[in-house]
PDB file of N, CA and C in Angstrom:
ATOM      1  N   UNK A   1      -2.458  22.135   0.630  1.00  0.00           N
ATOM      2  CA  UNK A   1      -3.116  21.287   1.621  1.00  0.00           C
ATOM      3  C   UNK A   1      -4.130  20.492   0.853  1.00  0.00           C
ATOM      4  N   UNK A   2      -3.877  19.237   0.547  1.00  0.00           N
ATOM      5  CA  UNK A   2      -4.867  18.392  -0.098  1.00  0.00           C
ATOM      6  C   UNK A   2      -5.994  18.069   0.865  1.00  0.00           C
ATOM      7  N   UNK A   3      -7.212  18.066   0.286  1.00  0.00           N
ATOM      8  CA  UNK A   3      -8.428  17.804   1.034  1.00  0.00           C
ATOM      9  C   UNK A   3      -9.178  16.627   0.439  1.00  0.00           C
ATOM     10  N   UNK A   4      -9.113  15.545   1.154  1.00  0.00           N
ATOM     11  CA  UNK A   4      -9.788  14.263   0.775  1.00  0.00           C
ATOM     12  C   UNK A   4      -9.471  13.946  -0.672  1.00  0.00           C
ATOM     13  N   UNK A   5      -8.185  13.836  -0.994  1.00  0.00           N
ATOM     14  CA  UNK A   5      -7.701  13.456  -2.332  1.00  0.00           C
ATOM     15  C   UNK A   5      -6.619  12.416  -2.179  1.00  0.00           C
ATOM     16  N   UNK A   6      -6.283  11.734  -3.281  1.00  0.00           N
ATOM     17  CA  UNK A   6      -5.214  10.798  -3.324  1.00  0.00           C
ATOM     18  C   UNK A   6      -4.381  11.012  -4.564  1.00  0.00           C
ATOM     19  N   UNK A   7      -3.223  10.413  -4.539  1.00  0.00           N
ATOM     20  CA  UNK A   7      -2.398  10.401  -5.813  1.00  0.00           C
ATOM     21  C   UNK A   7      -3.275   9.581  -6.738  1.00  0.00           C
ATOM     22  N   UNK A   8      -3.310  10.000  -8.014  1.00  0.00           N
ATOM     23  CA  UNK A   8      -4.197   9.226  -8.928  1.00  0.00           C
ATOM     24  C   UNK A   8      -3.985   7.782  -9.017  1.00  0.00           C
ATOM     25  N   UNK A   9      -5.120   7.086  -8.833  1.00  0.00           N
ATOM     26  CA  UNK A   9      -5.142   5.611  -8.849  1.00  0.00           C
ATOM     27  C   UNK A   9      -6.100   5.226 -10.029  1.00  0.00           C
ATOM     28  N   UNK A  10      -5.746   4.294 -10.856  1.00  0.00           N
ATOM     29  CA  UNK A  10      -6.637   3.910 -11.928  1.00  0.00           C
ATOM     30  C   UNK A  10      -8.000   3.462 -11.410  1.00  0.00           C
ATOM     31  N   UNK A  11      -9.061   3.917 -12.023  1.00  0.00           N
ATOM     32  CA  UNK A  11     -10.383   3.472 -11.688  1.00  0.00           C
ATOM     33  C   UNK A  11     -10.556   2.029 -12.021  1.00  0.00           C
ATOM     34  N   UNK A  12     -11.215   1.343 -11.095  1.00  0.00           N
ATOM     35  CA  UNK A  12     -11.497  -0.134 -11.278  1.00  0.00           C
ATOM     36  C   UNK A  12     -12.976  -0.309 -10.927  1.00  0.00           C
ATOM     37  N   UNK A  13     -13.889  -0.520 -11.851  1.00  0.00           N
ATOM     38  CA  UNK A  13     -13.546  -0.624 -13.321  1.00  0.00           C
ATOM     39  C   UNK A  13     -13.405   0.741 -13.912  1.00  0.00           C
ATOM     40  N   UNK A  14     -12.750   0.871 -15.104  1.00  0.00           N
ATOM     41  CA  UNK A  14     -12.543   2.118 -15.796  1.00  0.00           C
ATOM     42  C   UNK A  14     -13.908   2.807 -16.051  1.00  0.00           C
ATOM     43  N   UNK A  15     -13.837   4.135 -16.036  1.00  0.00           N
ATOM     44  CA  UNK A  15     -15.035   4.909 -16.389  1.00  0.00           C
ATOM     45  C   UNK A  15     -15.198   4.948 -17.889  1.00  0.00           C
ATOM     46  N   UNK A  16     -16.396   4.647 -18.376  1.00  0.00           N
ATOM     47  CA  UNK A  16     -16.580   4.757 -19.858  1.00  0.00           C
ATOM     48  C   UNK A  16     -16.421   6.187 -20.342  1.00  0.00           C
ATOM     49  N   UNK A  17     -16.051   6.406 -21.645  1.00  0.00           N
ATOM     50  CA  UNK A  17     -15.962   7.798 -22.082  1.00  0.00           C
ATOM     51  C   UNK A  17     -17.265   8.573 -21.914  1.00  0.00           C
ATOM     52  N   UNK A  18     -17.060   9.796 -21.464  1.00  0.00           N
ATOM     53  CA  UNK A  18     -18.258  10.619 -21.262  1.00  0.00           C
ATOM     54  C   UNK A  18     -18.898  10.978 -22.599  1.00  0.00           C
ATOM     55  N   UNK A  19     -20.273  10.967 -22.589  1.00  0.00           N
ATOM     56  CA  UNK A  19     -20.960  11.357 -23.788  1.00  0.00           C
ATOM     57  C   UNK A  19     -21.470  12.776 -23.549  1.00  0.00           C
ATOM     58  N   UNK A  20     -21.325  13.645 -24.454  1.00  0.00           N
ATOM     59  CA  UNK A  20     -21.733  15.049 -24.327  1.00  0.00           C
ATOM     60  C   UNK A  20     -23.197  15.137 -24.323  1.00  0.00           C
ATOM     61  N   UNK A  21     -23.827  15.685 -23.303  1.00  0.00           N
ATOM     62  CA  UNK A  21     -25.314  15.897 -23.339  1.00  0.00           C
ATOM     63  C   UNK A  21     -25.646  16.937 -24.322  1.00  0.00           C
ATOM     64  N   UNK A  22     -26.912  16.975 -24.753  1.00  0.00           N
ATOM     65  CA  UNK A  22     -27.382  17.967 -25.643  1.00  0.00           C
ATOM     66  C   UNK A  22     -27.503  19.313 -24.964  1.00  0.00           C
ATOM     67  N   UNK A  23     -27.394  20.388 -25.753  1.00  0.00           N
ATOM     68  CA  UNK A  23     -27.606  21.743 -25.234  1.00  0.00           C
ATOM     69  C   UNK A  23     -26.310  22.354 -24.728  1.00  0.00           C
ATOM     70  N   UNK A  24     -26.528  23.542 -24.137  1.00  0.00           N
ATOM     71  CA  UNK A  24     -25.394  24.270 -23.576  1.00  0.00           C
ATOM     72  C   UNK A  24     -25.096  23.740 -22.241  1.00  0.00           C
ATOM     73  N   UNK A  25     -23.780  23.651 -21.943  1.00  0.00           N
ATOM     74  CA  UNK A  25     -23.283  23.096 -20.649  1.00  0.00           C
ATOM     75  C   UNK A  25     -22.659  24.130 -19.777  1.00  0.00           C
ATOM     76  N   UNK A  26     -22.799  23.968 -18.428  1.00  0.00           N
ATOM     77  CA  UNK A  26     -22.173  24.924 -17.551  1.00  0.00           C
ATOM     78  C   UNK A  26     -20.677  24.572 -17.333  1.00  0.00           C
ATOM     79  N   UNK A  27     -20.119  23.614 -18.075  1.00  0.00           N
ATOM     80  CA  UNK A  27     -18.769  23.250 -17.983  1.00  0.00           C
ATOM     81  C   UNK A  27     -18.243  22.793 -19.331  1.00  0.00           C
ATOM     82  N   UNK A  28     -17.008  22.634 -19.462  1.00  0.00           N
ATOM     83  CA  UNK A  28     -16.366  22.278 -20.708  1.00  0.00           C
ATOM     84  C   UNK A  28     -16.282  20.754 -20.884  1.00  0.00           C
ATOM     85  N   UNK A  29     -16.970  20.270 -21.830  1.00  0.00           N
ATOM     86  CA  UNK A  29     -17.055  18.807 -22.054  1.00  0.00           C
ATOM     87  C   UNK A  29     -15.726  18.151 -22.312  1.00  0.00           C
ATOM     88  N   UNK A  30     -14.810  18.895 -22.989  1.00  0.00           N
ATOM     89  CA  UNK A  30     -13.441  18.374 -23.286  1.00  0.00           C
ATOM     90  C   UNK A  30     -12.682  18.059 -21.935  1.00  0.00           C
ATOM     91  N   UNK A  31     -12.904  18.965 -20.961  1.00  0.00           N
ATOM     92  CA  UNK A  31     -12.282  18.786 -19.672  1.00  0.00           C
ATOM     93  C   UNK A  31     -12.725  17.518 -18.987  1.00  0.00           C
ATOM     94  N   UNK A  32     -14.037  17.220 -19.096  1.00  0.00           N
ATOM     95  CA  UNK A  32     -14.597  15.988 -18.501  1.00  0.00           C
ATOM     96  C   UNK A  32     -13.950  14.761 -19.135  1.00  0.00           C
ATOM     97  N   UNK A  33     -13.877  14.774 -20.493  1.00  0.00           N
ATOM     98  CA  UNK A  33     -13.251  13.624 -21.172  1.00  0.00           C
ATOM     99  C   UNK A  33     -11.763  13.464 -20.793  1.00  0.00           C
ATOM    100  N   UNK A  34     -11.078  14.611 -20.684  1.00  0.00           N
ATOM    101  CA  UNK A  34      -9.668  14.555 -20.287  1.00  0.00           C
ATOM    102  C   UNK A  34      -9.506  14.074 -18.881  1.00  0.00           C
ATOM    103  N   UNK A  35     -10.352  14.534 -17.978  1.00  0.00           N
ATOM    104  CA  UNK A  35     -10.322  14.028 -16.597  1.00  0.00           C
ATOM    105  C   UNK A  35     -10.640  12.565 -16.515  1.00  0.00           C
ATOM    106  N   UNK A  36     -11.629  12.012 -17.264  1.00  0.00           N
ATOM    107  CA  UNK A  36     -11.924  10.654 -17.315  1.00  0.00           C
ATOM    108  C   UNK A  36     -10.751   9.849 -17.780  1.00  0.00           C
ATOM    109  N   UNK A  37     -10.051  10.324 -18.775  1.00  0.00           N
ATOM    110  CA  UNK A  37      -8.899   9.642 -19.337  1.00  0.00           C
ATOM    111  C   UNK A  37      -7.772   9.530 -18.265  1.00  0.00           C
ATOM    112  N   UNK A  38      -7.552  10.640 -17.594  1.00  0.00           N
ATOM    113  CA  UNK A  38      -6.520  10.650 -16.484  1.00  0.00           C
ATOM    114  C   UNK A  38      -6.919   9.726 -15.350  1.00  0.00           C
ATOM    115  N   UNK A  39      -8.226   9.652 -15.004  1.00  0.00           N
ATOM    116  CA  UNK A  39      -8.659   8.777 -13.933  1.00  0.00           C
ATOM    117  C   UNK A  39      -8.550   7.329 -14.329  1.00  0.00           C
ATOM    118  N   UNK A  40      -8.816   7.007 -15.584  1.00  0.00           N
ATOM    119  CA  UNK A  40      -8.733   5.626 -16.024  1.00  0.00           C
ATOM    120  C   UNK A  40      -7.256   5.154 -16.178  1.00  0.00           C
ATOM    121  N   UNK A  41      -6.349   6.015 -16.574  1.00  0.00           N
ATOM    122  CA  UNK A  41      -4.943   5.634 -16.760  1.00  0.00           C
ATOM    123  C   UNK A  41      -4.086   6.874 -16.329  1.00  0.00           C
ATOM    124  N   UNK A  42      -3.918   7.071 -15.023  1.00  0.00           N
ATOM    125  CA  UNK A  42      -3.209   8.293 -14.558  1.00  0.00           C
ATOM    126  C   UNK A  42      -1.724   8.185 -14.964  1.00  0.00           C
ATOM    127  N   UNK A  43      -1.177   9.295 -15.219  1.00  0.00           N
ATOM    128  CA  UNK A  43       0.275   9.439 -15.529  1.00  0.00           C
ATOM    129  C   UNK A  43       1.107   9.063 -14.278  1.00  0.00           C
ATOM    130  N   UNK A  44       2.024   8.090 -14.396  1.00  0.00           N
ATOM    131  CA  UNK A  44       2.785   7.683 -13.216  1.00  0.00           C
ATOM    132  C   UNK A  44       3.662   8.761 -12.629  1.00  0.00           C
ATOM    133  N   UNK A  45       3.865   9.861 -13.382  1.00  0.00           N
ATOM    134  CA  UNK A  45       4.708  10.919 -12.860  1.00  0.00           C
ATOM    135  C   UNK A  45       4.156  11.528 -11.576  1.00  0.00           C
ATOM    136  N   UNK A  46       2.774  11.433 -11.404  1.00  0.00           N
ATOM    137  CA  UNK A  46       2.170  11.845 -10.167  1.00  0.00           C
ATOM    138  C   UNK A  46       2.832  11.147  -9.022  1.00  0.00           C
ATOM    139  N   UNK A  47       2.936   9.838  -9.081  1.00  0.00           N
ATOM    140  CA  UNK A  47       3.531   9.080  -7.963  1.00  0.00           C
ATOM    141  C   UNK A  47       5.016   9.358  -7.835  1.00  0.00           C
ATOM    142  N   UNK A  48       5.680   9.401  -9.020  1.00  0.00           N
ATOM    143  CA  UNK A  48       7.092   9.614  -9.030  1.00  0.00           C
ATOM    144  C   UNK A  48       7.581  10.988  -8.458  1.00  0.00           C
ATOM    145  N   UNK A  49       6.717  12.028  -8.554  1.00  0.00           N
ATOM    146  CA  UNK A  49       7.130  13.361  -8.134  1.00  0.00           C
ATOM    147  C   UNK A  49       6.652  13.787  -6.809  1.00  0.00           C
ATOM    148  N   UNK A  50       5.817  12.967  -6.187  1.00  0.00           N
ATOM    149  CA  UNK A  50       5.299  13.309  -4.803  1.00  0.00           C
ATOM    150  C   UNK A  50       6.397  13.491  -3.869  1.00  0.00           C
ATOM    151  N   UNK A  51       7.523  12.696  -3.981  1.00  0.00           N
ATOM    152  CA  UNK A  51       8.682  12.798  -3.100  1.00  0.00           C
ATOM    153  C   UNK A  51       9.418  14.004  -3.229  1.00  0.00           C
ATOM    154  N   UNK A  52       9.196  14.798  -4.269  1.00  0.00           N
ATOM    155  CA  UNK A  52       9.866  16.071  -4.521  1.00  0.00           C
ATOM    156  C   UNK A  52       9.266  17.251  -3.670  1.00  0.00           C
ATOM    157  N   UNK A  53       8.146  16.996  -3.112  1.00  0.00           N
ATOM    158  CA  UNK A  53       7.509  18.124  -2.258  1.00  0.00           C
ATOM    159  C   UNK A  53       8.343  18.281  -0.989  1.00  0.00           C
ATOM    160  N   UNK A  54       8.881  19.422  -0.827  1.00  0.00           N
ATOM    161  CA  UNK A  54       9.873  19.677   0.311  1.00  0.00           C
ATOM    162  C   UNK A  54       9.227  20.419   1.459  1.00  0.00           C
ATOM    163  N   UNK A  55       8.000  20.975   1.261  1.00  0.00           N
ATOM    164  CA  UNK A  55       7.389  21.734   2.341  1.00  0.00           C
ATOM    165  C   UNK A  55       6.543  20.808   3.203  1.00  0.00           C
ATOM    166  N   UNK A  56       6.453  21.157   4.477  1.00  0.00           N
ATOM    167  CA  UNK A  56       5.467  20.371   5.326  1.00  0.00           C
ATOM    168  C   UNK A  56       4.090  20.495   4.671  1.00  0.00           C
ATOM    169  N   UNK A  57       3.415  19.379   4.621  1.00  0.00           N
ATOM    170  CA  UNK A  57       2.151  19.298   3.899  1.00  0.00           C
ATOM    171  C   UNK A  57       1.100  18.705   4.810  1.00  0.00           C
ATOM    172  N   UNK A  58      -0.049  19.314   4.906  1.00  0.00           N
ATOM    173  CA  UNK A  58      -1.183  18.798   5.636  1.00  0.00           C
ATOM    174  C   UNK A  58      -2.116  18.142   4.724  1.00  0.00           C
ATOM    175  N   UNK A  59      -2.428  16.868   4.929  1.00  0.00           N
ATOM    176  CA  UNK A  59      -3.395  16.104   4.080  1.00  0.00           C
ATOM    177  C   UNK A  59      -4.573  15.895   4.987  1.00  0.00           C
ATOM    178  N   UNK A  60      -5.759  16.314   4.521  1.00  0.00           N
ATOM    179  CA  UNK A  60      -6.961  16.189   5.346  1.00  0.00           C
ATOM    180  C   UNK A  60      -7.857  15.179   4.680  1.00  0.00           C
ATOM    181  N   UNK A  61      -8.161  14.116   5.388  1.00  0.00           N
ATOM    182  CA  UNK A  61      -9.045  13.050   4.884  1.00  0.00           C
ATOM    183  C   UNK A  61     -10.486  13.340   5.300  1.00  0.00           C
ATOM    184  N   UNK A  62     -11.419  12.870   4.487  1.00  0.00           N
ATOM    185  CA  UNK A  62     -12.858  13.088   4.821  1.00  0.00           C
ATOM    186  C   UNK A  62     -13.504  11.952   5.585  1.00  0.00           C
ATOM    187  N   UNK A  63     -12.707  10.947   5.867  1.00  0.00           N
ATOM    188  CA  UNK A  63     -13.242   9.836   6.670  1.00  0.00           C
ATOM    189  C   UNK A  63     -13.946   8.744   5.810  1.00  0.00           C
ATOM    190  N   UNK A  64     -14.391   7.742   6.426  1.00  0.00           N
ATOM    191  CA  UNK A  64     -14.981   6.562   5.635  1.00  0.00           C
ATOM    192  C   UNK A  64     -16.234   6.879   4.842  1.00  0.00           C
ATOM    193  N   UNK A  65     -16.834   8.019   5.062  1.00  0.00           N
ATOM    194  CA  UNK A  65     -18.057   8.302   4.271  1.00  0.00           C
ATOM    195  C   UNK A  65     -17.684   9.138   3.025  1.00  0.00           C
ATOM    196  N   UNK A  66     -16.430   9.478   2.913  1.00  0.00           N
ATOM    197  CA  UNK A  66     -15.987  10.328   1.748  1.00  0.00           C
ATOM    198  C   UNK A  66     -15.971   9.513   0.463  1.00  0.00           C
ATOM    199  N   UNK A  67     -15.831  10.204  -0.634  1.00  0.00           N
ATOM    200  CA  UNK A  67     -15.726   9.593  -1.929  1.00  0.00           C
ATOM    201  C   UNK A  67     -14.406   8.845  -2.214  1.00  0.00           C
ATOM    202  N   UNK A  68     -13.342   9.326  -1.551  1.00  0.00           N
ATOM    203  CA  UNK A  68     -12.035   8.797  -1.749  1.00  0.00           C
ATOM    204  C   UNK A  68     -11.713   7.786  -0.670  1.00  0.00           C
ATOM    205  N   UNK A  69     -11.325   6.489  -1.071  1.00  0.00           N
ATOM    206  CA  UNK A  69     -10.999   5.543  -0.024  1.00  0.00           C
ATOM    207  C   UNK A  69      -9.845   6.045   0.838  1.00  0.00           C
ATOM    208  N   UNK A  70      -9.989   5.998   2.133  1.00  0.00           N
ATOM    209  CA  UNK A  70      -9.024   6.555   3.023  1.00  0.00           C
ATOM    210  C   UNK A  70      -7.669   5.924   3.013  1.00  0.00           C
ATOM    211  N   UNK A  71      -7.580   4.643   2.597  1.00  0.00           N
ATOM    212  CA  UNK A  71      -6.277   4.043   2.388  1.00  0.00           C
ATOM    213  C   UNK A  71      -5.518   4.761   1.301  1.00  0.00           C
ATOM    214  N   UNK A  72      -6.206   5.284   0.305  1.00  0.00           N
ATOM    215  CA  UNK A  72      -5.580   6.051  -0.781  1.00  0.00           C
ATOM    216  C   UNK A  72      -5.064   7.393  -0.341  1.00  0.00           C
ATOM    217  N   UNK A  73      -5.874   8.009   0.628  1.00  0.00           N
ATOM    218  CA  UNK A  73      -5.447   9.298   1.180  1.00  0.00           C
ATOM    219  C   UNK A  73      -4.193   9.054   2.022  1.00  0.00           C
ATOM    220  N   UNK A  74      -4.117   7.950   2.744  1.00  0.00           N
ATOM    221  CA  UNK A  74      -2.982   7.573   3.557  1.00  0.00           C
ATOM    222  C   UNK A  74      -1.793   7.292   2.622  1.00  0.00           C
ATOM    223  N   UNK A  75      -2.038   6.730   1.475  1.00  0.00           N
ATOM    224  CA  UNK A  75      -0.929   6.518   0.504  1.00  0.00           C
ATOM    225  C   UNK A  75      -0.293   7.844   0.050  1.00  0.00           C
ATOM    226  N   UNK A  76      -1.170   8.822  -0.174  1.00  0.00           N
ATOM    227  CA  UNK A  76      -0.698  10.114  -0.578  1.00  0.00           C
ATOM    228  C   UNK A  76       0.164  10.684   0.523  1.00  0.00           C
ATOM    229  N   UNK A  77      -0.244  10.628   1.713  1.00  0.00           N
ATOM    230  CA  UNK A  77       0.518  11.115   2.888  1.00  0.00           C
ATOM    231  C   UNK A  77       1.884  10.407   2.953  1.00  0.00           C
ATOM    232  N   UNK A  78       1.888   9.125   2.722  1.00  0.00           N
ATOM    233  CA  UNK A  78       3.142   8.399   2.767  1.00  0.00           C
ATOM    234  C   UNK A  78       4.148   8.809   1.637  1.00  0.00           C
ATOM    235  N   UNK A  79       3.592   9.260   0.524  1.00  0.00           N
ATOM    236  CA  UNK A  79       4.469   9.623  -0.604  1.00  0.00           C
ATOM    237  C   UNK A  79       5.154  10.970  -0.418  1.00  0.00           C
ATOM    238  N   UNK A  80       4.567  11.846   0.426  1.00  0.00           N
ATOM    239  CA  UNK A  80       5.171  13.156   0.628  1.00  0.00           C
ATOM    240  C   UNK A  80       6.005  13.154   1.876  1.00  0.00           C
ATOM    241  N   UNK A  81       7.265  13.431   1.760  1.00  0.00           N
ATOM    242  CA  UNK A  81       8.249  13.286   2.834  1.00  0.00           C
ATOM    243  C   UNK A  81       7.876  13.887   4.178  1.00  0.00           C
ATOM    244  N   UNK A  82       7.319  15.093   4.202  1.00  0.00           N
ATOM    245  CA  UNK A  82       7.049  15.773   5.485  1.00  0.00           C
ATOM    246  C   UNK A  82       5.552  16.066   5.560  1.00  0.00           C
ATOM    247  N   UNK A  83       4.716  15.055   5.413  1.00  0.00           N
ATOM    248  CA  UNK A  83       3.287  15.189   5.418  1.00  0.00           C
ATOM    249  C   UNK A  83       2.661  14.708   6.708  1.00  0.00           C
ATOM    250  N   UNK A  84       1.612  15.360   7.061  1.00  0.00           N
ATOM    251  CA  UNK A  84       0.786  14.914   8.226  1.00  0.00           C
ATOM    252  C   UNK A  84      -0.633  14.639   7.699  1.00  0.00           C
ATOM    253  N   UNK A  85      -1.244  13.684   8.277  1.00  0.00           N
ATOM    254  CA  UNK A  85      -2.623  13.334   7.897  1.00  0.00           C
ATOM    255  C   UNK A  85      -3.523  13.561   9.059  1.00  0.00           C
ATOM    256  N   UNK A  86      -4.640  14.290   8.816  1.00  0.00           N
ATOM    257  CA  UNK A  86      -5.688  14.454   9.849  1.00  0.00           C
ATOM    258  C   UNK A  86      -7.005  14.066   9.145  1.00  0.00           C
ATOM    259  N   UNK A  87      -7.799  13.267   9.821  1.00  0.00           N
ATOM    260  CA  UNK A  87      -9.113  12.880   9.248  1.00  0.00           C
ATOM    261  C   UNK A  87     -10.174  13.662  10.022  1.00  0.00           C
ATOM    262  N   UNK A  88     -11.104  14.244   9.237  1.00  0.00           N
ATOM    263  CA  UNK A  88     -12.309  14.901   9.794  1.00  0.00           C
ATOM    264  C   UNK A  88     -13.474  14.161   9.118  1.00  0.00           C
ATOM    265  N   UNK A  89     -14.242  13.433   9.955  1.00  0.00           N
ATOM    266  CA  UNK A  89     -15.340  12.699   9.348  1.00  0.00           C
ATOM    267  C   UNK A  89     -16.426  13.661   8.824  1.00  0.00           C
ATOM    268  N   UNK A  90     -16.279  13.992   7.594  1.00  0.00           N
ATOM    269  CA  UNK A  90     -17.148  15.014   6.956  1.00  0.00           C
ATOM    270  C   UNK A  90     -17.479  14.645   5.561  1.00  0.00           C
ATOM    271  N   UNK A  91     -16.986  13.534   5.046  1.00  0.00           N
ATOM    272  CA  UNK A  91     -17.138  13.254   3.636  1.00  0.00           C
ATOM    273  C   UNK A  91     -16.118  13.998   2.732  1.00  0.00           C
ATOM    274  N   UNK A  92     -16.385  14.176   1.500  1.00  0.00           N
ATOM    275  CA  UNK A  92     -15.387  14.642   0.536  1.00  0.00           C
ATOM    276  C   UNK A  92     -15.097  16.169   0.675  1.00  0.00           C
ATOM    277  N   UNK A  93     -16.123  16.919   0.858  1.00  0.00           N
ATOM    278  CA  UNK A  93     -15.897  18.388   0.971  1.00  0.00           C
ATOM    279  C   UNK A  93     -15.836  18.819   2.374  1.00  0.00           C
ATOM    280  N   UNK A  94     -14.718  18.506   2.970  1.00  0.00           N
ATOM    281  CA  UNK A  94     -14.517  18.726   4.384  1.00  0.00           C
ATOM    282  C   UNK A  94     -14.743  20.206   4.746  1.00  0.00           C
ATOM    283  N   UNK A  95     -14.187  21.090   3.976  1.00  0.00           N
ATOM    284  CA  UNK A  95     -14.275  22.529   4.257  1.00  0.00           C
ATOM    285  C   UNK A  95     -15.689  22.997   4.204  1.00  0.00           C
ATOM    286  N   UNK A  96     -16.569  22.353   3.393  1.00  0.00           N
ATOM    287  CA  UNK A  96     -17.982  22.739   3.317  1.00  0.00           C
ATOM    288  C   UNK A  96     -18.830  22.056   4.391  1.00  0.00           C
ATOM    289  N   UNK A  97     -18.559  20.786   4.646  1.00  0.00           N
ATOM    290  CA  UNK A  97     -19.383  19.994   5.565  1.00  0.00           C
ATOM    291  C   UNK A  97     -19.084  20.315   7.047  1.00  0.00           C
ATOM    292  N   UNK A  98     -17.845  20.537   7.329  1.00  0.00           N
ATOM    293  CA  UNK A  98     -17.419  20.874   8.672  1.00  0.00           C
ATOM    294  C   UNK A  98     -16.418  22.069   8.707  1.00  0.00           C
ATOM    295  N   UNK A  99     -16.876  23.192   8.329  1.00  0.00           N
ATOM    296  CA  UNK A  99     -15.920  24.356   8.182  1.00  0.00           C
ATOM    297  C   UNK A  99     -15.130  24.705   9.466  1.00  0.00           C
ATOM    298  N   UNK A 100     -15.774  24.627  10.615  1.00  0.00           N
ATOM    299  CA  UNK A 100     -15.065  24.956  11.881  1.00  0.00           C
ATOM    300  C   UNK A 100     -14.015  23.959  12.123  1.00  0.00           C
ATOM    301  N   UNK A 101     -14.222  22.673  11.979  1.00  0.00           N
ATOM    302  CA  UNK A 101     -13.217  21.695  12.184  1.00  0.00           C
ATOM    303  C   UNK A 101     -12.103  21.836  11.163  1.00  0.00           C
ATOM    304  N   UNK A 102     -12.446  22.013   9.931  1.00  0.00           N
ATOM    305  CA  UNK A 102     -11.499  22.194   8.832  1.00  0.00           C
ATOM    306  C   UNK A 102     -10.505  23.388   9.182  1.00  0.00           C
ATOM    307  N   UNK A 103     -11.107  24.536   9.594  1.00  0.00           N
ATOM    308  CA  UNK A 103     -10.274  25.707   9.851  1.00  0.00           C
ATOM    309  C   UNK A 103      -9.415  25.446  11.117  1.00  0.00           C
ATOM    310  N   UNK A 104      -9.939  24.783  12.128  1.00  0.00           N
ATOM    311  CA  UNK A 104      -9.167  24.458  13.296  1.00  0.00           C
ATOM    312  C   UNK A 104      -7.884  23.634  12.968  1.00  0.00           C
ATOM    313  N   UNK A 105      -8.109  22.678  12.167  1.00  0.00           N
ATOM    314  CA  UNK A 105      -6.983  21.763  11.702  1.00  0.00           C
ATOM    315  C   UNK A 105      -5.953  22.581  10.890  1.00  0.00           C
ATOM    316  N   UNK A 106      -6.554  23.375   9.969  1.00  0.00           N
ATOM    317  CA  UNK A 106      -5.648  24.156   9.122  1.00  0.00           C
ATOM    318  C   UNK A 106      -4.829  25.217   9.919  1.00  0.00           C
ATOM    319  N   UNK A 107      -5.530  25.822  10.897  1.00  0.00           N
ATOM    320  CA  UNK A 107      -4.840  26.832  11.718  1.00  0.00           C
ATOM    321  C   UNK A 107      -3.775  26.252  12.627  1.00  0.00           C
ATOM    322  N   UNK A 108      -3.986  25.006  13.107  1.00  0.00           N
ATOM    323  CA  UNK A 108      -3.064  24.378  13.972  1.00  0.00           C
ATOM    324  C   UNK A 108      -1.803  23.874  13.282  1.00  0.00           C
ATOM    325  N   UNK A 109      -1.954  23.543  12.028  1.00  0.00           N
ATOM    326  CA  UNK A 109      -0.909  22.890  11.243  1.00  0.00           C
ATOM    327  C   UNK A 109       0.451  23.722  11.303  1.00  0.00           C
ATOM    328  N   UNK A 110       0.409  25.005  10.980  1.00  0.00           N
ATOM    329  CA  UNK A 110       1.739  25.694  10.950  1.00  0.00           C
ATOM    330  C   UNK A 110       2.493  25.699  12.279  1.00  0.00           C
ATOM    331  N   UNK A 111       1.753  25.503  13.421  1.00  0.00           N
ATOM    332  CA  UNK A 111       2.386  25.469  14.753  1.00  0.00           C
ATOM    333  C   UNK A 111       2.938  24.132  15.099  1.00  0.00           C
ATOM    334  N   UNK A 112       2.786  23.138  14.369  1.00  0.00           N
ATOM    335  CA  UNK A 112       3.252  21.827  14.734  1.00  0.00           C
ATOM    336  C   UNK A 112       4.686  21.680  14.890  1.00  0.00           C
TER     337      UNK A 112
END
């Protein structure tokens, strides 16, 4: 169940390479650089393989205040053959911002 995500779209403008801050980090810096590289030039296999998803899929959008443009969330839904899209105006972390609505949507989905 994708939550306010899209198939990778190249960033415009591209994100400059991350510079490692001084000191100990609570995350792996190499992961940040790899993620930036994928966001700047995503592997087209993401788009090519979305059509291989055979299970019914619920895509939850976070609405216009989210980090992800909702037209890109709709593109993801269109790429997956048996996908449904529900928008919960909650921004990017739908499950955290609106947990009751998120759970209601998730619980209803298997019954559709």
